[in-house]
């Protein structure tokens, strides 16, 4: 992974943490309403991807992403710190606009959704009957919450 890429990721993580703290403070103070996913009650605990989609996502991750990344970078505490409180759209959009390094946006929307499904599965979220959509507006309604 190049220095520029690492710097982008560190900057994005710092921004996500600061943004999350700010949003929670503003919601608590009653100055803004909760994120769309939180308002609708939809979350990634609702089985928003299929097993087959996560399996395809794992294959894509191994083929495309594993040259620079290990799944440990996207699981456990690291994942929770960065993504809990965000929407599935935030995760999808970050991956689709930054990856793969040197050729961001080169995968199909279905491949990016598969990688997101795989990362959700790695983090203990349940599979369901419907595939994770590729539409950012649909993904915005799915909040990433603490896994059980």
N, C-alpha and C. Protein backbone atom coordinates (compact mmCIF):
# COMPACT_ATOMS: atom_id res chain seq x y z
N UNK A 1 0.86 -1.16 0.00
CA UNK A 1 0.00 0.00 0.00
C UNK A 1 0.91 1.22 0.00
N UNK A 2 0.63 2.19 -0.87
CA UNK A 2 1.44 3.38 -1.00
C UNK A 2 1.22 4.37 0.13
N UNK A 3 2.19 5.27 0.32
CA UNK A 3 2.10 6.27 1.38
C UNK A 3 0.90 7.19 1.17
N UNK A 4 0.61 7.55 -0.07
CA UNK A 4 -0.53 8.41 -0.36
C UNK A 4 -1.83 7.72 0.05
N UNK A 5 -1.94 6.44 -0.26
CA UNK A 5 -3.13 5.66 0.10
C UNK A 5 -3.30 5.59 1.61
N UNK A 6 -2.22 5.28 2.33
CA UNK A 6 -2.28 5.21 3.79
C UNK A 6 -2.69 6.56 4.38
N UNK A 7 -2.15 7.62 3.82
CA UNK A 7 -2.48 8.96 4.30
C UNK A 7 -3.97 9.26 4.07
N UNK A 8 -4.50 8.89 2.92
CA UNK A 8 -5.93 9.08 2.65
C UNK A 8 -6.79 8.33 3.64
N UNK A 9 -6.42 7.09 3.92
CA UNK A 9 -7.20 6.27 4.85
C UNK A 9 -7.14 6.87 6.26
N UNK A 10 -5.94 7.26 6.71
CA UNK A 10 -5.82 7.87 8.05
C UNK A 10 -6.65 9.13 8.14
N UNK A 11 -6.58 9.97 7.12
CA UNK A 11 -7.35 11.21 7.12
C UNK A 11 -8.84 10.94 7.12
N UNK A 12 -9.28 9.94 6.36
CA UNK A 12 -10.71 9.59 6.30
C UNK A 12 -11.17 9.04 7.65
N UNK A 13 -10.33 8.21 8.29
CA UNK A 13 -10.69 7.66 9.60
C UNK A 13 -10.82 8.78 10.63
N UNK A 14 -9.84 9.70 10.65
CA UNK A 14 -9.90 10.81 11.60
C UNK A 14 -11.16 11.63 11.37
N UNK A 15 -11.47 11.91 10.11
CA UNK A 15 -12.66 12.68 9.80
C UNK A 15 -13.91 11.93 10.25
N UNK A 16 -13.97 10.60 10.01
CA UNK A 16 -15.14 9.81 10.40
C UNK A 16 -15.35 9.85 11.91
N UNK A 17 -14.27 9.77 12.67
CA UNK A 17 -14.38 9.81 14.14
C UNK A 17 -14.85 11.18 14.59
N UNK A 18 -14.25 12.23 14.07
CA UNK A 18 -14.65 13.59 14.45
C UNK A 18 -16.10 13.83 14.05
N UNK A 19 -16.46 13.40 12.85
CA UNK A 19 -17.83 13.57 12.37
C UNK A 19 -18.82 12.83 13.27
N UNK A 20 -18.49 11.59 13.64
CA UNK A 20 -19.38 10.80 14.49
C UNK A 20 -19.57 11.47 15.85
N UNK A 21 -18.50 11.96 16.45
CA UNK A 21 -18.59 12.63 17.75
C UNK A 21 -19.44 13.89 17.63
N UNK A 22 -19.22 14.64 16.58
CA UNK A 22 -19.99 15.86 16.36
C UNK A 22 -21.48 15.56 16.16
N UNK A 23 -21.79 14.58 15.34
CA UNK A 23 -23.19 14.22 15.08
C UNK A 23 -23.87 13.75 16.35
N UNK A 24 -23.21 12.89 17.13
CA UNK A 24 -23.80 12.41 18.38
C UNK A 24 -24.07 13.59 19.31
N UNK A 25 -23.14 14.51 19.41
CA UNK A 25 -23.33 15.69 20.26
C UNK A 25 -24.49 16.54 19.80
N UNK A 26 -24.59 16.75 18.50
CA UNK A 26 -25.68 17.57 17.97
C UNK A 26 -27.03 16.89 18.14
N UNK A 27 -27.07 15.57 17.96
CA UNK A 27 -28.32 14.83 18.16
C UNK A 27 -28.72 14.90 19.63
N UNK A 28 -27.75 14.69 20.51
CA UNK A 28 -28.03 14.73 21.95
C UNK A 28 -28.55 16.10 22.38
N UNK A 29 -28.02 17.14 21.79
CA UNK A 29 -28.45 18.49 22.13
C UNK A 29 -29.79 18.84 21.48
N UNK A 30 -30.25 17.98 20.57
CA UNK A 30 -31.52 18.24 19.91
C UNK A 30 -31.41 19.22 18.76
N UNK A 31 -30.20 19.52 18.30
CA UNK A 31 -30.02 20.48 17.23
C UNK A 31 -30.23 19.88 15.85
N UNK A 32 -30.00 18.57 15.73
CA UNK A 32 -30.26 17.88 14.46
C UNK A 32 -30.95 16.57 14.79
N UNK A 33 -31.58 15.99 13.76
CA UNK A 33 -32.24 14.70 13.96
C UNK A 33 -31.25 13.58 13.68
N UNK A 34 -31.61 12.38 14.10
CA UNK A 34 -30.75 11.22 13.90
C UNK A 34 -30.62 10.91 12.41
N UNK A 35 -29.55 10.18 12.01
CA UNK A 35 -29.37 9.81 10.62
C UNK A 35 -30.59 9.04 10.09
N UNK A 36 -30.75 9.07 8.76
CA UNK A 36 -31.91 8.45 8.12
C UNK A 36 -32.08 7.00 8.55
N UNK A 37 -31.01 6.21 8.53
CA UNK A 37 -31.11 4.80 8.92
C UNK A 37 -31.60 4.65 10.34
N UNK A 38 -31.15 5.53 11.23
CA UNK A 38 -31.56 5.46 12.62
C UNK A 38 -33.03 5.83 12.76
N UNK A 39 -33.51 6.78 11.96
CA UNK A 39 -34.90 7.19 12.03
C UNK A 39 -35.83 6.07 11.55
N UNK A 40 -35.45 5.39 10.48
CA UNK A 40 -36.31 4.36 9.91
C UNK A 40 -36.20 3.05 10.66
N UNK A 41 -35.17 2.92 11.48
CA UNK A 41 -34.99 1.69 12.23
C UNK A 41 -34.29 0.59 11.44
N UNK A 42 -33.95 0.85 10.19
CA UNK A 42 -33.27 -0.15 9.37
C UNK A 42 -31.80 -0.21 9.76
N UNK A 43 -31.29 -1.41 9.88
CA UNK A 43 -29.87 -1.55 10.17
C UNK A 43 -29.33 -2.80 9.49
N UNK A 44 -28.02 -2.92 9.50
CA UNK A 44 -27.39 -4.09 8.88
C UNK A 44 -27.63 -5.36 9.69
N UNK A 45 -28.27 -5.24 10.85
CA UNK A 45 -28.68 -6.42 11.62
C UNK A 45 -29.92 -7.08 11.02
N UNK A 46 -30.55 -6.41 10.05
CA UNK A 46 -31.78 -6.90 9.45
C UNK A 46 -31.56 -7.89 8.30
N UNK A 47 -30.34 -8.39 8.13
CA UNK A 47 -30.07 -9.35 7.05
C UNK A 47 -30.15 -8.69 5.70
N UNK A 48 -29.26 -7.74 5.44
CA UNK A 48 -29.35 -6.91 4.23
C UNK A 48 -28.52 -7.45 3.06
N UNK A 49 -27.91 -8.61 3.22
CA UNK A 49 -27.13 -9.23 2.15
C UNK A 49 -27.40 -10.73 2.18
N UNK A 50 -27.05 -11.42 1.11
CA UNK A 50 -27.22 -12.87 1.07
C UNK A 50 -25.87 -13.57 1.29
N UNK A 51 -25.95 -14.82 1.70
CA UNK A 51 -24.72 -15.63 1.85
C UNK A 51 -23.96 -15.70 0.53
N UNK A 52 -24.70 -15.92 -0.57
CA UNK A 52 -24.07 -16.03 -1.88
C UNK A 52 -23.35 -14.73 -2.25
N UNK A 53 -23.97 -13.60 -1.95
CA UNK A 53 -23.35 -12.31 -2.25
C UNK A 53 -22.07 -12.12 -1.43
N UNK A 54 -22.11 -12.49 -0.16
CA UNK A 54 -20.91 -12.39 0.68
C UNK A 54 -19.82 -13.32 0.18
N UNK A 55 -20.19 -14.49 -0.29
CA UNK A 55 -19.21 -15.43 -0.84
C UNK A 55 -18.55 -14.86 -2.08
N UNK A 56 -19.36 -14.26 -2.96
CA UNK A 56 -18.79 -13.60 -4.15
C UNK A 56 -17.90 -12.43 -3.73
N UNK A 57 -18.33 -11.70 -2.71
CA UNK A 57 -17.53 -10.58 -2.21
C UNK A 57 -16.20 -11.04 -1.65
N UNK A 58 -16.21 -12.18 -0.96
CA UNK A 58 -14.96 -12.73 -0.44
C UNK A 58 -14.01 -13.07 -1.59
N UNK A 59 -14.54 -13.66 -2.65
CA UNK A 59 -13.70 -14.01 -3.81
C UNK A 59 -13.11 -12.73 -4.43
N UNK A 60 -13.92 -11.69 -4.54
CA UNK A 60 -13.43 -10.42 -5.08
C UNK A 60 -12.36 -9.84 -4.16
N UNK A 61 -12.62 -9.87 -2.85
CA UNK A 61 -11.65 -9.34 -1.88
C UNK A 61 -10.32 -10.09 -2.03
N UNK A 62 -10.38 -11.41 -2.09
CA UNK A 62 -9.14 -12.20 -2.21
C UNK A 62 -8.41 -11.91 -3.52
N UNK A 63 -9.18 -11.74 -4.61
CA UNK A 63 -8.59 -11.53 -5.92
C UNK A 63 -8.05 -10.10 -6.08
N UNK A 64 -8.78 -9.11 -5.59
CA UNK A 64 -8.45 -7.72 -5.87
C UNK A 64 -7.83 -7.00 -4.67
N UNK A 65 -8.39 -7.20 -3.49
CA UNK A 65 -8.03 -6.38 -2.33
C UNK A 65 -6.88 -6.95 -1.50
N UNK A 66 -6.77 -8.28 -1.47
CA UNK A 66 -5.83 -8.90 -0.54
C UNK A 66 -4.36 -8.65 -0.89
N UNK A 67 -4.09 -8.13 -2.08
CA UNK A 67 -2.71 -7.79 -2.41
C UNK A 67 -2.20 -6.66 -1.50
N UNK A 68 -3.13 -5.80 -1.04
CA UNK A 68 -2.75 -4.67 -0.19
C UNK A 68 -3.39 -4.73 1.20
N UNK A 69 -4.47 -5.50 1.35
CA UNK A 69 -5.24 -5.47 2.59
C UNK A 69 -5.46 -6.87 3.16
N UNK A 70 -5.60 -6.91 4.46
CA UNK A 70 -5.97 -8.12 5.19
C UNK A 70 -7.34 -7.86 5.80
N UNK A 71 -8.16 -8.89 5.92
CA UNK A 71 -9.50 -8.68 6.47
C UNK A 71 -9.45 -8.13 7.90
N UNK A 72 -8.36 -8.35 8.62
CA UNK A 72 -8.24 -7.80 9.98
C UNK A 72 -8.32 -6.28 10.00
N UNK A 73 -7.97 -5.64 8.88
CA UNK A 73 -8.06 -4.18 8.80
C UNK A 73 -9.51 -3.71 8.82
N UNK A 74 -10.43 -4.61 8.50
CA UNK A 74 -11.83 -4.24 8.35
C UNK A 74 -12.74 -5.02 9.28
N UNK A 75 -12.20 -5.44 10.42
CA UNK A 75 -13.03 -6.22 11.34
C UNK A 75 -12.75 -5.81 12.78
N UNK A 76 -13.65 -6.25 13.65
CA UNK A 76 -13.48 -6.00 15.07
C UNK A 76 -13.53 -4.53 15.43
N UNK A 77 -12.65 -4.15 16.34
CA UNK A 77 -12.62 -2.78 16.85
C UNK A 77 -12.37 -1.74 15.78
N UNK A 78 -11.51 -2.06 14.84
CA UNK A 78 -11.23 -1.11 13.76
C UNK A 78 -12.49 -0.80 12.98
N UNK A 79 -13.23 -1.86 12.65
CA UNK A 79 -14.46 -1.69 11.89
C UNK A 79 -15.47 -0.88 12.71
N UNK A 80 -15.66 -1.28 13.96
CA UNK A 80 -16.64 -0.58 14.82
C UNK A 80 -16.30 0.90 14.97
N UNK A 81 -15.04 1.20 15.23
CA UNK A 81 -14.63 2.58 15.43
C UNK A 81 -14.91 3.44 14.19
N UNK A 82 -14.68 2.88 13.04
CA UNK A 82 -14.83 3.64 11.80
C UNK A 82 -16.27 3.68 11.30
N UNK A 83 -17.00 2.56 11.41
CA UNK A 83 -18.25 2.45 10.67
C UNK A 83 -19.53 2.43 11.49
N UNK A 84 -19.50 2.05 12.76
CA UNK A 84 -20.73 2.05 13.55
C UNK A 84 -21.25 3.48 13.63
N UNK A 85 -22.51 3.66 13.31
CA UNK A 85 -23.12 4.97 13.26
C UNK A 85 -23.17 5.55 11.85
N UNK A 86 -22.44 4.94 10.95
CA UNK A 86 -22.46 5.34 9.54
C UNK A 86 -23.50 4.48 8.81
N UNK A 87 -23.72 4.77 7.56
CA UNK A 87 -24.64 3.96 6.77
C UNK A 87 -23.86 2.99 5.88
N UNK A 88 -24.57 2.00 5.39
CA UNK A 88 -23.95 1.07 4.43
C UNK A 88 -23.51 1.83 3.18
N UNK A 89 -24.20 2.93 2.86
CA UNK A 89 -23.80 3.76 1.72
C UNK A 89 -22.43 4.38 1.95
N UNK A 90 -22.15 4.79 3.18
CA UNK A 90 -20.85 5.38 3.49
C UNK A 90 -19.73 4.37 3.24
N UNK A 91 -19.94 3.14 3.69
CA UNK A 91 -18.94 2.09 3.49
C UNK A 91 -18.79 1.77 2.00
N UNK A 92 -19.90 1.56 1.32
CA UNK A 92 -19.88 1.25 -0.11
C UNK A 92 -19.19 2.37 -0.89
N UNK A 93 -19.59 3.60 -0.64
CA UNK A 93 -19.06 4.73 -1.39
C UNK A 93 -17.56 4.92 -1.14
N UNK A 94 -17.12 4.73 0.09
CA UNK A 94 -15.70 4.85 0.40
C UNK A 94 -14.89 3.82 -0.39
N UNK A 95 -15.34 2.59 -0.38
CA UNK A 95 -14.62 1.54 -1.10
C UNK A 95 -14.66 1.80 -2.60
N UNK A 96 -15.84 2.15 -3.11
CA UNK A 96 -16.00 2.33 -4.56
C UNK A 96 -15.23 3.54 -5.09
N UNK A 97 -15.05 4.57 -4.26
CA UNK A 97 -14.34 5.76 -4.76
C UNK A 97 -12.84 5.73 -4.50
N UNK A 98 -12.38 4.86 -3.60
CA UNK A 98 -10.95 4.81 -3.28
C UNK A 98 -10.24 3.54 -3.73
N UNK A 99 -10.99 2.49 -4.04
CA UNK A 99 -10.38 1.19 -4.31
C UNK A 99 -10.78 0.65 -5.67
N UNK A 100 -9.95 -0.19 -6.25
CA UNK A 100 -8.59 -0.50 -5.81
C UNK A 100 -7.65 0.67 -6.07
N UNK A 101 -6.60 0.71 -5.26
CA UNK A 101 -5.62 1.79 -5.39
C UNK A 101 -5.09 1.81 -6.82
N UNK A 102 -5.04 2.98 -7.38
CA UNK A 102 -4.56 3.13 -8.74
C UNK A 102 -5.62 2.96 -9.80
N UNK A 103 -6.77 2.41 -9.43
CA UNK A 103 -7.85 2.19 -10.39
C UNK A 103 -9.21 2.21 -9.68
N UNK A 104 -9.45 3.26 -8.85
CA UNK A 104 -10.71 3.28 -8.11
C UNK A 104 -11.91 3.32 -9.04
N UNK A 105 -12.98 2.65 -8.62
CA UNK A 105 -14.20 2.61 -9.42
C UNK A 105 -14.17 1.60 -10.54
N UNK A 106 -13.12 0.78 -10.60
CA UNK A 106 -12.97 -0.15 -11.73
C UNK A 106 -13.77 -1.44 -11.57
N UNK A 107 -14.28 -1.71 -10.38
CA UNK A 107 -15.13 -2.89 -10.20
C UNK A 107 -16.57 -2.54 -10.56
N UNK A 108 -17.38 -3.55 -10.76
CA UNK A 108 -18.80 -3.30 -11.04
C UNK A 108 -19.50 -2.95 -9.73
N UNK A 109 -20.65 -2.27 -9.82
CA UNK A 109 -21.41 -2.00 -8.60
C UNK A 109 -21.72 -3.29 -7.81
N UNK A 110 -22.03 -4.36 -8.52
CA UNK A 110 -22.32 -5.64 -7.84
C UNK A 110 -21.09 -6.17 -7.11
N UNK A 111 -19.90 -5.98 -7.68
CA UNK A 111 -18.67 -6.43 -7.01
C UNK A 111 -18.41 -5.61 -5.75
N UNK A 112 -18.61 -4.30 -5.83
CA UNK A 112 -18.43 -3.47 -4.63
C UNK A 112 -19.45 -3.85 -3.57
N UNK A 113 -20.69 -4.09 -3.95
CA UNK A 113 -21.72 -4.51 -2.98
C UNK A 113 -21.34 -5.85 -2.37
N UNK A 114 -20.77 -6.74 -3.17
CA UNK A 114 -20.33 -8.03 -2.66
C UNK A 114 -19.23 -7.89 -1.63
N UNK A 115 -18.29 -6.99 -1.88
CA UNK A 115 -17.20 -6.76 -0.91
C UNK A 115 -17.79 -6.20 0.39
N UNK A 116 -18.73 -5.28 0.29
CA UNK A 116 -19.38 -4.73 1.49
C UNK A 116 -20.11 -5.86 2.22
N UNK A 117 -20.83 -6.70 1.50
CA UNK A 117 -21.53 -7.83 2.12
C UNK A 117 -20.53 -8.73 2.85
N UNK A 118 -19.41 -9.01 2.22
CA UNK A 118 -18.38 -9.84 2.84
C UNK A 118 -17.85 -9.19 4.13
N UNK A 119 -17.58 -7.89 4.10
CA UNK A 119 -17.08 -7.20 5.29
C UNK A 119 -18.13 -7.20 6.40
N UNK A 120 -19.39 -7.07 6.05
CA UNK A 120 -20.45 -7.15 7.06
C UNK A 120 -20.48 -8.55 7.66
N UNK A 121 -20.37 -9.57 6.81
CA UNK A 121 -20.37 -10.95 7.30
C UNK A 121 -19.18 -11.20 8.23
N UNK A 122 -18.01 -10.74 7.84
CA UNK A 122 -16.80 -10.90 8.66
C UNK A 122 -17.00 -10.29 10.05
N UNK A 123 -17.82 -9.25 10.12
CA UNK A 123 -18.06 -8.55 11.38
C UNK A 123 -19.27 -9.07 12.14
N UNK A 124 -19.79 -10.22 11.72
CA UNK A 124 -20.84 -10.89 12.48
C UNK A 124 -22.26 -10.49 12.17
N UNK A 125 -22.48 -9.73 11.10
CA UNK A 125 -23.84 -9.36 10.74
C UNK A 125 -24.49 -10.52 9.99
N UNK A 126 -25.79 -10.73 10.19
CA UNK A 126 -26.46 -11.89 9.60
C UNK A 126 -26.81 -11.68 8.12
N UNK A 127 -26.77 -12.77 7.39
CA UNK A 127 -27.24 -12.76 6.00
C UNK A 127 -28.76 -12.82 6.02
N UNK A 128 -29.35 -12.44 4.91
CA UNK A 128 -30.81 -12.48 4.79
C UNK A 128 -31.21 -13.05 3.44
N UNK A 129 -32.41 -12.70 3.04
CA UNK A 129 -32.99 -13.22 1.80
C UNK A 129 -32.72 -12.35 0.58
N UNK A 130 -32.41 -11.06 0.80
CA UNK A 130 -32.21 -10.13 -0.31
C UNK A 130 -30.76 -9.68 -0.37
N UNK A 131 -30.29 -9.50 -1.60
CA UNK A 131 -28.92 -9.02 -1.81
C UNK A 131 -28.81 -7.55 -1.42
N UNK A 132 -27.64 -7.18 -0.95
CA UNK A 132 -27.35 -5.78 -0.65
C UNK A 132 -27.48 -5.01 -1.95
N UNK A 133 -28.25 -3.92 -1.96
CA UNK A 133 -28.42 -3.16 -3.20
C UNK A 133 -27.16 -2.38 -3.56
N UNK A 134 -27.12 -1.89 -4.77
CA UNK A 134 -26.00 -1.08 -5.23
C UNK A 134 -26.37 0.40 -5.27
N UNK A 135 -27.61 0.71 -5.01
CA UNK A 135 -28.09 2.10 -5.01
C UNK A 135 -27.70 2.79 -3.71
N UNK A 136 -27.01 3.93 -3.83
CA UNK A 136 -26.61 4.66 -2.63
C UNK A 136 -27.83 5.13 -1.83
N UNK A 137 -28.90 5.50 -2.51
CA UNK A 137 -30.09 5.94 -1.77
C UNK A 137 -30.67 4.79 -0.94
N UNK A 138 -30.68 3.58 -1.47
CA UNK A 138 -31.16 2.42 -0.70
C UNK A 138 -30.19 2.10 0.43
N UNK A 139 -28.90 2.17 0.16
CA UNK A 139 -27.89 1.87 1.18
C UNK A 139 -27.88 2.89 2.31
N UNK A 140 -28.29 4.12 2.02
CA UNK A 140 -28.33 5.16 3.06
C UNK A 140 -29.33 4.85 4.15
N UNK A 141 -30.31 4.02 3.87
CA UNK A 141 -31.33 3.69 4.88
C UNK A 141 -30.86 2.58 5.82
N UNK A 142 -29.68 2.03 5.58
CA UNK A 142 -29.17 0.90 6.37
C UNK A 142 -28.03 1.36 7.27
N UNK A 143 -28.34 1.53 8.54
CA UNK A 143 -27.34 1.99 9.49
C UNK A 143 -26.45 0.83 9.94
N UNK A 144 -25.17 1.11 10.05
CA UNK A 144 -24.23 0.13 10.60
C UNK A 144 -24.25 0.32 12.11
N UNK A 145 -24.70 -0.70 12.83
CA UNK A 145 -24.82 -0.66 14.27
C UNK A 145 -23.88 -1.71 14.87
N UNK A 146 -23.77 -1.71 16.20
CA UNK A 146 -22.94 -2.72 16.87
C UNK A 146 -23.45 -4.12 16.53
N UNK A 147 -22.55 -5.01 16.20
CA UNK A 147 -22.93 -6.40 15.95
C UNK A 147 -23.20 -7.08 17.29
N UNK A 148 -24.08 -8.07 17.27
CA UNK A 148 -24.39 -8.77 18.55
C UNK A 148 -23.20 -9.54 19.08
